[in-house]
Amino acid sequence: MSSREISTSRVVNASAERIAEAIRDPEQLAKWWGPKGFTNTFHSFDFRVGGKWDLTMHAPDGNSFENHWEFVVVDSPHRFALRHI
């Protein structure tokens, strides 16, 4: 890891397969991605190594935040890694 990387992880009370399903499916992912109270609009979602994911996160206060990601690891259902670009 370089000094300019941030790594996060989360423990969830669900099977690896169920979590992977919720990540692979844009309709499910849009419902829970981001902080509490945010909603999401997905513009593209190409779930494969090198695939891009572009979305807008909408905050409860009305602000919107454009996000651009690239999938760098897809080892479903065990591990996923994204790069924020």
PDB file of N, CA and C in Angstrom:
ATOM      1  N   MET A   1       0.845  -1.173   0.000  1.00  0.00           N
ATOM      2  CA  MET A   1       0.000   0.000   0.000  1.00  0.00           C
ATOM      3  C   MET A   1       0.893   1.240   0.000  1.00  0.00           C
ATOM      4  N   SER A   2       0.576   2.214  -0.848  1.00  0.00           N
ATOM      5  CA  SER A   2       1.344   3.454  -0.874  1.00  0.00           C
ATOM      6  C   SER A   2       0.809   4.409   0.185  1.00  0.00           C
ATOM      7  N   SER A   3       1.495   5.512   0.398  1.00  0.00           N
ATOM      8  CA  SER A   3       1.068   6.487   1.400  1.00  0.00           C
ATOM      9  C   SER A   3      -0.174   7.255   0.952  1.00  0.00           C
ATOM     10  N   ARG A   4      -0.618   7.049  -0.291  1.00  0.00           N
ATOM     11  CA  ARG A   4      -1.784   7.758  -0.800  1.00  0.00           C
ATOM     12  C   ARG A   4      -2.985   6.840  -0.992  1.00  0.00           C
ATOM     13  N   GLU A   5      -2.972   5.698  -0.348  1.00  0.00           N
ATOM     14  CA  GLU A   5      -4.081   4.760  -0.448  1.00  0.00           C
ATOM     15  C   GLU A   5      -4.834   4.699   0.865  1.00  0.00           C
ATOM     16  N   ILE A   6      -6.129   4.468   0.752  1.00  0.00           N
ATOM     17  CA  ILE A   6      -6.977   4.241   1.910  1.00  0.00           C
ATOM     18  C   ILE A   6      -7.609   2.873   1.710  1.00  0.00           C
ATOM     19  N   SER A   7      -7.530   2.057   2.713  1.00  0.00           N
ATOM     20  CA  SER A   7      -8.121   0.726   2.645  1.00  0.00           C
ATOM     21  C   SER A   7      -9.204   0.635   3.704  1.00  0.00           C
ATOM     22  N   THR A   8     -10.376   0.121   3.322  1.00  0.00           N
ATOM     23  CA  THR A   8     -11.463  -0.066   4.270  1.00  0.00           C
ATOM     24  C   THR A   8     -11.992  -1.480   4.139  1.00  0.00           C
ATOM     25  N   SER A   9     -12.599  -1.947   5.197  1.00  0.00           N
ATOM     26  CA  SER A   9     -13.262  -3.242   5.161  1.00  0.00           C
ATOM     27  C   SER A   9     -14.494  -3.152   6.047  1.00  0.00           C
ATOM     28  N   ARG A  10     -15.381  -4.115   5.862  1.00  0.00           N
ATOM     29  CA  ARG A  10     -16.616  -4.117   6.637  1.00  0.00           C
ATOM     30  C   ARG A  10     -16.979  -5.567   6.944  1.00  0.00           C
ATOM     31  N   VAL A  11     -17.406  -5.832   8.159  1.00  0.00           N
ATOM     32  CA  VAL A  11     -17.894  -7.143   8.546  1.00  0.00           C
ATOM     33  C   VAL A  11     -19.416  -7.090   8.492  1.00  0.00           C
ATOM     34  N   VAL A  12     -19.996  -8.037   7.757  1.00  0.00           N
ATOM     35  CA  VAL A  12     -21.444  -8.060   7.564  1.00  0.00           C
ATOM     36  C   VAL A  12     -21.959  -9.435   7.961  1.00  0.00           C
ATOM     37  N   ASN A  13     -23.084  -9.471   8.640  1.00  0.00           N
ATOM     38  CA  ASN A  13     -23.676 -10.726   9.081  1.00  0.00           C
ATOM     39  C   ASN A  13     -24.495 -11.340   7.935  1.00  0.00           C
ATOM     40  N   ALA A  14     -23.778 -11.853   6.927  1.00  0.00           N
ATOM     41  CA  ALA A  14     -24.412 -12.507   5.783  1.00  0.00           C
ATOM     42  C   ALA A  14     -23.369 -13.394   5.120  1.00  0.00           C
ATOM     43  N   SER A  15     -23.837 -14.334   4.317  1.00  0.00           N
ATOM     44  CA  SER A  15     -22.900 -15.220   3.629  1.00  0.00           C
ATOM     45  C   SER A  15     -22.141 -14.457   2.554  1.00  0.00           C
ATOM     46  N   ALA A  16     -20.968 -14.956   2.223  1.00  0.00           N
ATOM     47  CA  ALA A  16     -20.169 -14.337   1.155  1.00  0.00           C
ATOM     48  C   ALA A  16     -20.953 -14.308  -0.152  1.00  0.00           C
ATOM     49  N   GLU A  17     -21.703 -15.357  -0.426  1.00  0.00           N
ATOM     50  CA  GLU A  17     -22.489 -15.408  -1.656  1.00  0.00           C
ATOM     51  C   GLU A  17     -23.569 -14.325  -1.680  1.00  0.00           C
ATOM     52  N   ARG A  18     -24.235 -14.112  -0.556  1.00  0.00           N
ATOM     53  CA  ARG A  18     -25.295 -13.087  -0.475  1.00  0.00           C
ATOM     54  C   ARG A  18     -24.710 -11.688  -0.639  1.00  0.00           C
ATOM     55  N   ILE A  19     -23.561 -11.451  -0.031  1.00  0.00           N
ATOM     56  CA  ILE A  19     -22.914 -10.141  -0.154  1.00  0.00           C
ATOM     57  C   ILE A  19     -22.471  -9.920  -1.598  1.00  0.00           C
ATOM     58  N   ALA A  20     -21.874 -10.951  -2.211  1.00  0.00           N
ATOM     59  CA  ALA A  20     -21.434 -10.832  -3.599  1.00  0.00           C
ATOM     60  C   ALA A  20     -22.615 -10.531  -4.510  1.00  0.00           C
ATOM     61  N   GLU A  21     -23.748 -11.172  -4.268  1.00  0.00           N
ATOM     62  CA  GLU A  21     -24.950 -10.913  -5.070  1.00  0.00           C
ATOM     63  C   GLU A  21     -25.382  -9.452  -4.948  1.00  0.00           C
ATOM     64  N   ALA A  22     -25.320  -8.913  -3.730  1.00  0.00           N
ATOM     65  CA  ALA A  22     -25.723  -7.522  -3.495  1.00  0.00           C
ATOM     66  C   ALA A  22     -24.754  -6.527  -4.122  1.00  0.00           C
ATOM     67  N   ILE A  23     -23.515  -6.944  -4.350  1.00  0.00           N
ATOM     68  CA  ILE A  23     -22.529  -6.071  -4.995  1.00  0.00           C
ATOM     69  C   ILE A  23     -22.615  -6.179  -6.512  1.00  0.00           C
ATOM     70  N   ARG A  24     -22.823  -7.379  -7.040  1.00  0.00           N
ATOM     71  CA  ARG A  24     -22.876  -7.602  -8.494  1.00  0.00           C
ATOM     72  C   ARG A  24     -24.116  -7.009  -9.146  1.00  0.00           C
ATOM     73  N   ASP A  25     -25.189  -6.881  -8.395  1.00  0.00           N
ATOM     74  CA  ASP A  25     -26.475  -6.430  -8.946  1.00  0.00           C
ATOM     75  C   ASP A  25     -26.653  -4.931  -8.704  1.00  0.00           C
ATOM     76  N   PRO A  26     -26.573  -4.108  -9.761  1.00  0.00           N
ATOM     77  CA  PRO A  26     -26.669  -2.654  -9.573  1.00  0.00           C
ATOM     78  C   PRO A  26     -27.949  -2.205  -8.866  1.00  0.00           C
ATOM     79  N   GLU A  27     -29.063  -2.896  -9.091  1.00  0.00           N
ATOM     80  CA  GLU A  27     -30.313  -2.498  -8.430  1.00  0.00           C
ATOM     81  C   GLU A  27     -30.213  -2.673  -6.916  1.00  0.00           C
ATOM     82  N   GLN A  28     -29.611  -3.765  -6.462  1.00  0.00           N
ATOM     83  CA  GLN A  28     -29.425  -3.970  -5.018  1.00  0.00           C
ATOM     84  C   GLN A  28     -28.368  -3.018  -4.462  1.00  0.00           C
ATOM     85  N   LEU A  29     -27.270  -2.893  -5.179  1.00  0.00           N
ATOM     86  CA  LEU A  29     -26.165  -2.053  -4.716  1.00  0.00           C
ATOM     87  C   LEU A  29     -26.595  -0.601  -4.539  1.00  0.00           C
ATOM     88  N   ALA A  30     -27.403  -0.100  -5.447  1.00  0.00           N
ATOM     89  CA  ALA A  30     -27.851   1.302  -5.367  1.00  0.00           C
ATOM     90  C   ALA A  30     -28.643   1.577  -4.098  1.00  0.00           C
ATOM     91  N   LYS A  31     -29.246   0.550  -3.527  1.00  0.00           N
ATOM     92  CA  LYS A  31     -30.080   0.731  -2.335  1.00  0.00           C
ATOM     93  C   LYS A  31     -29.279   0.898  -1.049  1.00  0.00           C
ATOM     94  N   TRP A  32     -28.022   0.436  -1.020  1.00  0.00           N
ATOM     95  CA  TRP A  32     -27.288   0.497   0.242  1.00  0.00           C
ATOM     96  C   TRP A  32     -25.912   1.144   0.143  1.00  0.00           C
ATOM     97  N   TRP A  33     -25.448   1.491  -1.049  1.00  0.00           N
ATOM     98  CA  TRP A  33     -24.116   2.077  -1.198  1.00  0.00           C
ATOM     99  C   TRP A  33     -24.094   3.486  -0.615  1.00  0.00           C
ATOM    100  N   GLY A  34     -23.100   3.795   0.168  1.00  0.00           N
ATOM    101  CA  GLY A  34     -22.903   5.147   0.684  1.00  0.00           C
ATOM    102  C   GLY A  34     -23.452   5.337   2.080  1.00  0.00           C
ATOM    103  N   PRO A  35     -23.260   6.542   2.591  1.00  0.00           N
ATOM    104  CA  PRO A  35     -23.709   6.859   3.954  1.00  0.00           C
ATOM    105  C   PRO A  35     -25.227   6.774   4.094  1.00  0.00           C
ATOM    106  N   LYS A  36     -25.676   6.587   5.318  1.00  0.00           N
ATOM    107  CA  LYS A  36     -27.108   6.532   5.620  1.00  0.00           C
ATOM    108  C   LYS A  36     -27.794   7.806   5.128  1.00  0.00           C
ATOM    109  N   GLY A  37     -28.922   7.637   4.464  1.00  0.00           N
ATOM    110  CA  GLY A  37     -29.690   8.771   3.980  1.00  0.00           C
ATOM    111  C   GLY A  37     -29.376   9.167   2.547  1.00  0.00           C
ATOM    112  N   PHE A  38     -28.280   8.678   1.996  1.00  0.00           N
ATOM    113  CA  PHE A  38     -27.920   8.982   0.612  1.00  0.00           C
ATOM    114  C   PHE A  38     -28.697   8.075  -0.337  1.00  0.00           C
ATOM    115  N   THR A  39     -28.933   8.570  -1.538  1.00  0.00           N
ATOM    116  CA  THR A  39     -29.463   7.752  -2.625  1.00  0.00           C
ATOM    117  C   THR A  39     -28.449   7.793  -3.759  1.00  0.00           C
ATOM    118  N   ASN A  40     -28.611   6.897  -4.713  1.00  0.00           N
ATOM    119  CA  ASN A  40     -27.632   6.777  -5.785  1.00  0.00           C
ATOM    120  C   ASN A  40     -28.304   6.694  -7.145  1.00  0.00           C
ATOM    121  N   THR A  41     -27.666   7.296  -8.128  1.00  0.00           N
ATOM    122  CA  THR A  41     -28.039   7.133  -9.530  1.00  0.00           C
ATOM    123  C   THR A  41     -26.831   6.538 -10.225  1.00  0.00           C
ATOM    124  N   PHE A  42     -26.992   5.339 -10.774  1.00  0.00           N
ATOM    125  CA  PHE A  42     -25.910   4.681 -11.491  1.00  0.00           C
ATOM    126  C   PHE A  42     -25.990   5.055 -12.965  1.00  0.00           C
ATOM    127  N   HIS A  43     -24.863   5.448 -13.535  1.00  0.00           N
ATOM    128  CA  HIS A  43     -24.789   5.803 -14.950  1.00  0.00           C
ATOM    129  C   HIS A  43     -24.175   4.668 -15.763  1.00  0.00           C
ATOM    130  N   SER A  44     -23.222   3.954 -15.168  1.00  0.00           N
ATOM    131  CA  SER A  44     -22.644   2.771 -15.803  1.00  0.00           C
ATOM    132  C   SER A  44     -22.175   1.840 -14.695  1.00  0.00           C
ATOM    133  N   PHE A  45     -22.175   0.540 -14.990  1.00  0.00           N
ATOM    134  CA  PHE A  45     -21.753  -0.453 -14.009  1.00  0.00           C
ATOM    135  C   PHE A  45     -21.296  -1.684 -14.770  1.00  0.00           C
ATOM    136  N   ASP A  46     -19.981  -1.806 -14.950  1.00  0.00           N
ATOM    137  CA  ASP A  46     -19.377  -2.902 -15.705  1.00  0.00           C
ATOM    138  C   ASP A  46     -18.546  -3.731 -14.733  1.00  0.00           C
ATOM    139  N   PHE A  47     -19.184  -4.751 -14.143  1.00  0.00           N
ATOM    140  CA  PHE A  47     -18.604  -5.519 -13.044  1.00  0.00           C
ATOM    141  C   PHE A  47     -17.637  -6.572 -13.580  1.00  0.00           C
ATOM    142  N   ARG A  48     -16.414  -6.147 -13.831  1.00  0.00           N
ATOM    143  CA  ARG A  48     -15.323  -7.015 -14.271  1.00  0.00           C
ATOM    144  C   ARG A  48     -14.027  -6.259 -14.036  1.00  0.00           C
ATOM    145  N   VAL A  49     -12.907  -6.963 -13.958  1.00  0.00           N
ATOM    146  CA  VAL A  49     -11.619  -6.287 -13.794  1.00  0.00           C
ATOM    147  C   VAL A  49     -11.442  -5.311 -14.954  1.00  0.00           C
ATOM    148  N   GLY A  50     -11.135  -4.073 -14.629  1.00  0.00           N
ATOM    149  CA  GLY A  50     -10.992  -3.017 -15.633  1.00  0.00           C
ATOM    150  C   GLY A  50     -12.295  -2.319 -15.961  1.00  0.00           C
ATOM    151  N   GLY A  51     -13.416  -2.852 -15.462  1.00  0.00           N
ATOM    152  CA  GLY A  51     -14.725  -2.247 -15.725  1.00  0.00           C
ATOM    153  C   GLY A  51     -14.912  -0.966 -14.939  1.00  0.00           C
ATOM    154  N   LYS A  52     -15.688  -0.062 -15.491  1.00  0.00           N
ATOM    155  CA  LYS A  52     -15.945   1.236 -14.856  1.00  0.00           C
ATOM    156  C   LYS A  52     -17.325   1.251 -14.201  1.00  0.00           C
ATOM    157  N   TRP A  53     -17.397   2.026 -13.139  1.00  0.00           N
ATOM    158  CA  TRP A  53     -18.657   2.242 -12.419  1.00  0.00           C
ATOM    159  C   TRP A  53     -18.754   3.745 -12.179  1.00  0.00           C
ATOM    160  N   ASP A  54     -19.740   4.369 -12.800  1.00  0.00           N
ATOM    161  CA  ASP A  54     -19.967   5.806 -12.649  1.00  0.00           C
ATOM    162  C   ASP A  54     -21.325   6.008 -11.990  1.00  0.00           C
ATOM    163  N   LEU A  55     -21.343   6.822 -10.940  1.00  0.00           N
ATOM    164  CA  LEU A  55     -22.580   7.064 -10.213  1.00  0.00           C
ATOM    165  C   LEU A  55     -22.594   8.464  -9.624  1.00  0.00           C
ATOM    166  N   THR A  56     -23.786   8.893  -9.296  1.00  0.00           N
ATOM    167  CA  THR A  56     -23.974  10.139  -8.556  1.00  0.00           C
ATOM    168  C   THR A  56     -24.608   9.778  -7.221  1.00  0.00           C
ATOM    169  N   MET A  57     -23.964  10.224  -6.142  1.00  0.00           N
ATOM    170  CA  MET A  57     -24.517  10.035  -4.807  1.00  0.00           C
ATOM    171  C   MET A  57     -25.243  11.323  -4.429  1.00  0.00           C
ATOM    172  N   HIS A  58     -26.483  11.168  -3.965  1.00  0.00           N
ATOM    173  CA  HIS A  58     -27.323  12.317  -3.610  1.00  0.00           C
ATOM    174  C   HIS A  58     -27.476  12.371  -2.091  1.00  0.00           C
ATOM    175  N   ALA A  59     -26.994  13.455  -1.505  1.00  0.00           N
ATOM    176  CA  ALA A  59     -27.042  13.630  -0.054  1.00  0.00           C
ATOM    177  C   ALA A  59     -28.429  14.100   0.380  1.00  0.00           C
ATOM    178  N   PRO A  60     -28.781  13.820   1.621  1.00  0.00           N
ATOM    179  CA  PRO A  60     -30.086  14.273   2.139  1.00  0.00           C
ATOM    180  C   PRO A  60     -30.260  15.792   2.067  1.00  0.00           C
ATOM    181  N   ASP A  61     -29.151  16.548   2.095  1.00  0.00           N
ATOM    182  CA  ASP A  61     -29.253  18.017   2.057  1.00  0.00           C
ATOM    183  C   ASP A  61     -29.388  18.564   0.634  1.00  0.00           C
ATOM    184  N   GLY A  62     -29.474  17.668  -0.363  1.00  0.00           N
ATOM    185  CA  GLY A  62     -29.660  18.101  -1.748  1.00  0.00           C
ATOM    186  C   GLY A  62     -28.382  18.163  -2.570  1.00  0.00           C
ATOM    187  N   ASN A  63     -27.226  18.084  -1.936  1.00  0.00           N
ATOM    188  CA  ASN A  63     -25.976  18.072  -2.685  1.00  0.00           C
ATOM    189  C   ASN A  63     -25.802  16.734  -3.392  1.00  0.00           C
ATOM    190  N   SER A  64     -25.126  16.766  -4.531  1.00  0.00           N
ATOM    191  CA  SER A  64     -24.844  15.555  -5.291  1.00  0.00           C
ATOM    192  C   SER A  64     -23.341  15.436  -5.510  1.00  0.00           C
ATOM    193  N   PHE A  65     -22.869  14.211  -5.537  1.00  0.00           N
ATOM    194  CA  PHE A  65     -21.440  13.944  -5.655  1.00  0.00           C
ATOM    195  C   PHE A  65     -21.202  12.907  -6.747  1.00  0.00           C
ATOM    196  N   GLU A  66     -20.485  13.328  -7.797  1.00  0.00           N
ATOM    197  CA  GLU A  66     -20.129  12.418  -8.878  1.00  0.00           C
ATOM    198  C   GLU A  66     -19.010  11.503  -8.401  1.00  0.00           C
ATOM    199  N   ASN A  67     -19.108  10.233  -8.727  1.00  0.00           N
ATOM    200  CA  ASN A  67     -18.095   9.250  -8.367  1.00  0.00           C
ATOM    201  C   ASN A  67     -17.756   8.408  -9.583  1.00  0.00           C
ATOM    202  N   HIS A  68     -16.484   8.122  -9.734  1.00  0.00           N
ATOM    203  CA  HIS A  68     -16.006   7.306 -10.841  1.00  0.00           C
ATOM    204  C   HIS A  68     -15.066   6.260 -10.249  1.00  0.00           C
ATOM    205  N   TRP A  69     -15.368   4.996 -10.496  1.00  0.00           N
ATOM    206  CA  TRP A  69     -14.628   3.876  -9.930  1.00  0.00           C
ATOM    207  C   TRP A  69     -14.189   2.944 -11.048  1.00  0.00           C
ATOM    208  N   GLU A  70     -13.156   2.159 -10.745  1.00  0.00           N
ATOM    209  CA  GLU A  70     -12.723   1.087 -11.630  1.00  0.00           C
ATOM    210  C   GLU A  70     -12.552  -0.175 -10.787  1.00  0.00           C
ATOM    211  N   PHE A  71     -13.077  -1.284 -11.262  1.00  0.00           N
ATOM    212  CA  PHE A  71     -12.886  -2.558 -10.572  1.00  0.00           C
ATOM    213  C   PHE A  71     -11.481  -3.061 -10.852  1.00  0.00           C
ATOM    214  N   VAL A  72     -10.710  -3.305  -9.801  1.00  0.00           N
ATOM    215  CA  VAL A  72      -9.333  -3.782  -9.978  1.00  0.00           C
ATOM    216  C   VAL A  72      -9.171  -5.238  -9.543  1.00  0.00           C
ATOM    217  N   VAL A  73     -10.060  -5.728  -8.678  1.00  0.00           N
ATOM    218  CA  VAL A  73     -10.065  -7.141  -8.289  1.00  0.00           C
ATOM    219  C   VAL A  73     -11.519  -7.592  -8.263  1.00  0.00           C
ATOM    220  N   VAL A  74     -11.796  -8.692  -8.926  1.00  0.00           N
ATOM    221  CA  VAL A  74     -13.114  -9.319  -8.859  1.00  0.00           C
ATOM    222  C   VAL A  74     -12.868 -10.812  -8.657  1.00  0.00           C
ATOM    223  N   ASP A  75     -12.945 -11.236  -7.410  1.00  0.00           N
ATOM    224  CA  ASP A  75     -12.773 -12.635  -7.048  1.00  0.00           C
ATOM    225  C   ASP A  75     -14.027 -13.044  -6.285  1.00  0.00           C
ATOM    226  N   SER A  76     -15.130 -13.073  -7.008  1.00  0.00           N
ATOM    227  CA  SER A  76     -16.440 -13.310  -6.411  1.00  0.00           C
ATOM    228  C   SER A  76     -16.550 -14.760  -5.942  1.00  0.00           C
ATOM    229  N   PRO A  77     -17.030 -15.008  -4.750  1.00  0.00           N
ATOM    230  CA  PRO A  77     -17.616 -14.074  -3.797  1.00  0.00           C
ATOM    231  C   PRO A  77     -16.656 -13.637  -2.694  1.00  0.00           C
ATOM    232  N   HIS A  78     -15.370 -13.819  -2.877  1.00  0.00           N
ATOM    233  CA  HIS A  78     -14.426 -13.624  -1.776  1.00  0.00           C
ATOM    234  C   HIS A  78     -13.870 -12.215  -1.623  1.00  0.00           C
ATOM    235  N   ARG A  79     -13.588 -11.563  -2.720  1.00  0.00           N
ATOM    236  CA  ARG A  79     -12.902 -10.265  -2.620  1.00  0.00           C
ATOM    237  C   ARG A  79     -13.227  -9.406  -3.827  1.00  0.00           C
ATOM    238  N   PHE A  80     -13.428  -8.120  -3.562  1.00  0.00           N
ATOM    239  CA  PHE A  80     -13.627  -7.103  -4.590  1.00  0.00           C
ATOM    240  C   PHE A  80     -12.753  -5.914  -4.215  1.00  0.00           C
ATOM    241  N   ALA A  81     -12.158  -5.292  -5.187  1.00  0.00           N
ATOM    242  CA  ALA A  81     -11.378  -4.084  -4.920  1.00  0.00           C
ATOM    243  C   ALA A  81     -11.708  -3.068  -6.001  1.00  0.00           C
ATOM    244  N   LEU A  82     -11.849  -1.826  -5.573  1.00  0.00           N
ATOM    245  CA  LEU A  82     -12.186  -0.715  -6.458  1.00  0.00           C
ATOM    246  C   LEU A  82     -11.131   0.368  -6.332  1.00  0.00           C
ATOM    247  N   ARG A  83     -10.943   1.106  -7.412  1.00  0.00           N
ATOM    248  CA  ARG A  83     -10.076   2.293  -7.380  1.00  0.00           C
ATOM    249  C   ARG A  83     -10.968   3.490  -7.705  1.00  0.00           C
ATOM    250  N   HIS A  84     -10.942   4.480  -6.823  1.00  0.00           N
ATOM    251  CA  HIS A  84     -11.692   5.718  -7.042  1.00  0.00           C
ATOM    252  C   HIS A  84     -10.882   6.580  -8.003  1.00  0.00           C
ATOM    253  N   ILE A  85     -11.464   6.909  -9.146  1.00  0.00           N
ATOM    254  CA  ILE A  85     -10.731   7.683 -10.164  1.00  0.00           C
ATOM    255  C   ILE A  85     -11.398   9.009 -10.437  1.00  0.00           C
TER     256      ILE A  85
END
